[in-house]
Amino acid sequence: MYEMLRHFADSYFLIVMLILFIGLSAWPFRPGAREHNHNAAHSIFEDKTDGE
């Protein structure tokens, strides 16, 4: 049982983790994310006045 789980973790799970990493890294660059990225980048400037 240990050898089977070890083989699975060394081979297939590594591929799954690589695909997951690439997918999550590319997620912000998808075409529909432009507005969300803009809102997140400018959210720290909301509700601020120049006098403070």
N, C-alpha and C. Protein backbone atom coordinates (compact mmCIF):
# COMPACT_ATOMS: atom_id res chain seq x y z
N MET A 1 0.83 -1.20 0.00
CA MET A 1 0.00 0.00 0.00
C MET A 1 0.87 1.26 0.00
N TYR A 2 1.91 1.27 0.82
CA TYR A 2 2.80 2.43 0.90
C TYR A 2 3.48 2.68 -0.44
N GLU A 3 3.96 1.62 -1.06
CA GLU A 3 4.66 1.77 -2.34
C GLU A 3 3.72 2.32 -3.42
N MET A 4 2.48 1.87 -3.42
CA MET A 4 1.51 2.35 -4.39
C MET A 4 1.23 3.84 -4.18
N LEU A 5 1.02 4.25 -2.93
CA LEU A 5 0.78 5.66 -2.65
C LEU A 5 2.01 6.51 -2.95
N ARG A 6 3.16 5.97 -2.67
CA ARG A 6 4.41 6.69 -2.95
C ARG A 6 4.58 6.90 -4.45
N HIS A 7 4.31 5.87 -5.23
CA HIS A 7 4.40 5.98 -6.69
C HIS A 7 3.39 7.00 -7.21
N PHE A 8 2.17 6.98 -6.70
CA PHE A 8 1.14 7.93 -7.12
C PHE A 8 1.56 9.36 -6.80
N ALA A 9 2.09 9.58 -5.61
CA ALA A 9 2.51 10.93 -5.20
C ALA A 9 3.70 11.41 -6.02
N ASP A 10 4.59 10.52 -6.39
CA ASP A 10 5.78 10.90 -7.15
C ASP A 10 5.49 11.16 -8.62
N SER A 11 4.45 10.58 -9.16
CA SER A 11 4.24 10.72 -10.59
C SER A 11 2.96 11.49 -10.92
N TYR A 12 1.81 10.92 -10.65
CA TYR A 12 0.56 11.52 -11.10
C TYR A 12 0.21 12.78 -10.33
N PHE A 13 0.42 12.78 -9.04
CA PHE A 13 0.07 13.96 -8.26
C PHE A 13 0.97 15.14 -8.62
N LEU A 14 2.21 14.86 -9.01
CA LEU A 14 3.11 15.91 -9.44
C LEU A 14 2.58 16.57 -10.72
N ILE A 15 2.05 15.78 -11.62
CA ILE A 15 1.47 16.32 -12.85
C ILE A 15 0.23 17.14 -12.53
N VAL A 16 -0.61 16.65 -11.62
CA VAL A 16 -1.81 17.39 -11.22
C VAL A 16 -1.43 18.71 -10.59
N MET A 17 -0.44 18.72 -9.73
CA MET A 17 -0.01 19.97 -9.09
C MET A 17 0.56 20.94 -10.12
N LEU A 18 1.29 20.45 -11.11
CA LEU A 18 1.84 21.31 -12.15
C LEU A 18 0.72 21.95 -12.97
N ILE A 19 -0.27 21.16 -13.35
CA ILE A 19 -1.40 21.69 -14.12
C ILE A 19 -2.18 22.71 -13.29
N LEU A 20 -2.38 22.42 -12.02
CA LEU A 20 -3.07 23.36 -11.14
C LEU A 20 -2.29 24.66 -11.00
N PHE A 21 -0.99 24.58 -10.85
CA PHE A 21 -0.15 25.77 -10.74
C PHE A 21 -0.23 26.62 -12.01
N ILE A 22 -0.15 25.99 -13.15
CA ILE A 22 -0.21 26.73 -14.42
C ILE A 22 -1.59 27.38 -14.58
N GLY A 23 -2.63 26.64 -14.24
CA GLY A 23 -3.98 27.19 -14.35
C GLY A 23 -4.21 28.37 -13.43
N LEU A 24 -3.77 28.26 -12.18
CA LEU A 24 -3.96 29.37 -11.24
C LEU A 24 -3.06 30.56 -11.58
N SER A 25 -1.90 30.30 -12.15
CA SER A 25 -1.02 31.40 -12.55
C SER A 25 -1.57 32.15 -13.75
N ALA A 26 -2.26 31.44 -14.64
CA ALA A 26 -2.81 32.07 -15.84
C ALA A 26 -4.18 32.70 -15.60
N TRP A 27 -4.83 32.37 -14.51
CA TRP A 27 -6.20 32.84 -14.23
C TRP A 27 -6.34 34.37 -14.30
N PRO A 28 -5.45 35.16 -13.72
CA PRO A 28 -5.63 36.62 -13.77
C PRO A 28 -5.46 37.21 -15.17
N PHE A 29 -4.87 36.47 -16.09
CA PHE A 29 -4.59 37.00 -17.42
C PHE A 29 -5.67 36.62 -18.44
N ARG A 30 -6.75 36.01 -17.99
CA ARG A 30 -7.82 35.65 -18.92
C ARG A 30 -8.52 36.92 -19.39
N PRO A 31 -9.14 36.90 -20.57
CA PRO A 31 -9.75 38.12 -21.13
C PRO A 31 -10.84 38.73 -20.26
N GLY A 32 -11.62 37.94 -19.56
CA GLY A 32 -12.71 38.48 -18.77
C GLY A 32 -12.30 39.05 -17.43
N ALA A 33 -11.04 38.99 -17.09
CA ALA A 33 -10.59 39.43 -15.77
C ALA A 33 -10.10 40.88 -15.75
N ARG A 34 -10.13 41.55 -16.87
CA ARG A 34 -9.57 42.91 -16.93
C ARG A 34 -10.25 43.85 -15.94
N GLU A 35 -11.58 43.82 -15.90
CA GLU A 35 -12.31 44.72 -15.00
C GLU A 35 -12.05 44.36 -13.54
N HIS A 36 -12.02 43.09 -13.22
CA HIS A 36 -11.75 42.67 -11.84
C HIS A 36 -10.35 43.08 -11.40
N ASN A 37 -9.37 42.92 -12.29
CA ASN A 37 -8.00 43.33 -11.96
C ASN A 37 -7.90 44.83 -11.76
N HIS A 38 -8.59 45.59 -12.59
CA HIS A 38 -8.58 47.05 -12.46
C HIS A 38 -9.21 47.48 -11.14
N ASN A 39 -10.35 46.87 -10.80
CA ASN A 39 -11.02 47.20 -9.54
C ASN A 39 -10.15 46.85 -8.33
N ALA A 40 -9.48 45.71 -8.39
CA ALA A 40 -8.61 45.30 -7.28
C ALA A 40 -7.41 46.23 -7.14
N ALA A 41 -6.86 46.65 -8.26
CA ALA A 41 -5.68 47.52 -8.23
C ALA A 41 -6.01 48.91 -7.71
N HIS A 42 -7.22 49.39 -7.96
CA HIS A 42 -7.59 50.75 -7.57
C HIS A 42 -8.46 50.80 -6.31
N SER A 43 -8.72 49.67 -5.69
CA SER A 43 -9.60 49.66 -4.52
C SER A 43 -8.99 50.35 -3.31
N ILE A 44 -7.67 50.42 -3.23
CA ILE A 44 -7.05 51.09 -2.09
C ILE A 44 -7.21 52.60 -2.14
N PHE A 45 -7.57 53.14 -3.31
CA PHE A 45 -7.72 54.58 -3.45
C PHE A 45 -9.14 55.06 -3.25
N GLU A 46 -10.08 54.15 -3.06
CA GLU A 46 -11.48 54.53 -2.88
C GLU A 46 -11.68 55.14 -1.49
N ASP A 47 -12.61 56.07 -1.39
CA ASP A 47 -12.99 56.71 -0.13
C ASP A 47 -11.82 57.45 0.52
N LYS A 48 -10.93 57.97 -0.28
CA LYS A 48 -9.83 58.77 0.26
C LYS A 48 -10.02 60.21 -0.16
N THR A 49 -9.70 61.14 0.74
CA THR A 49 -9.75 62.55 0.40
C THR A 49 -8.34 63.09 0.40
N ASP A 50 -8.13 64.20 -0.29
CA ASP A 50 -6.77 64.77 -0.38
C ASP A 50 -6.33 65.46 0.89
N GLY A 51 -7.22 65.83 1.78
CA GLY A 51 -6.87 66.56 2.98
C GLY A 51 -6.30 65.71 4.10
N GLU A 52 -6.29 64.43 3.97
CA GLU A 52 -5.84 63.57 5.08
C GLU A 52 -4.40 63.20 4.97
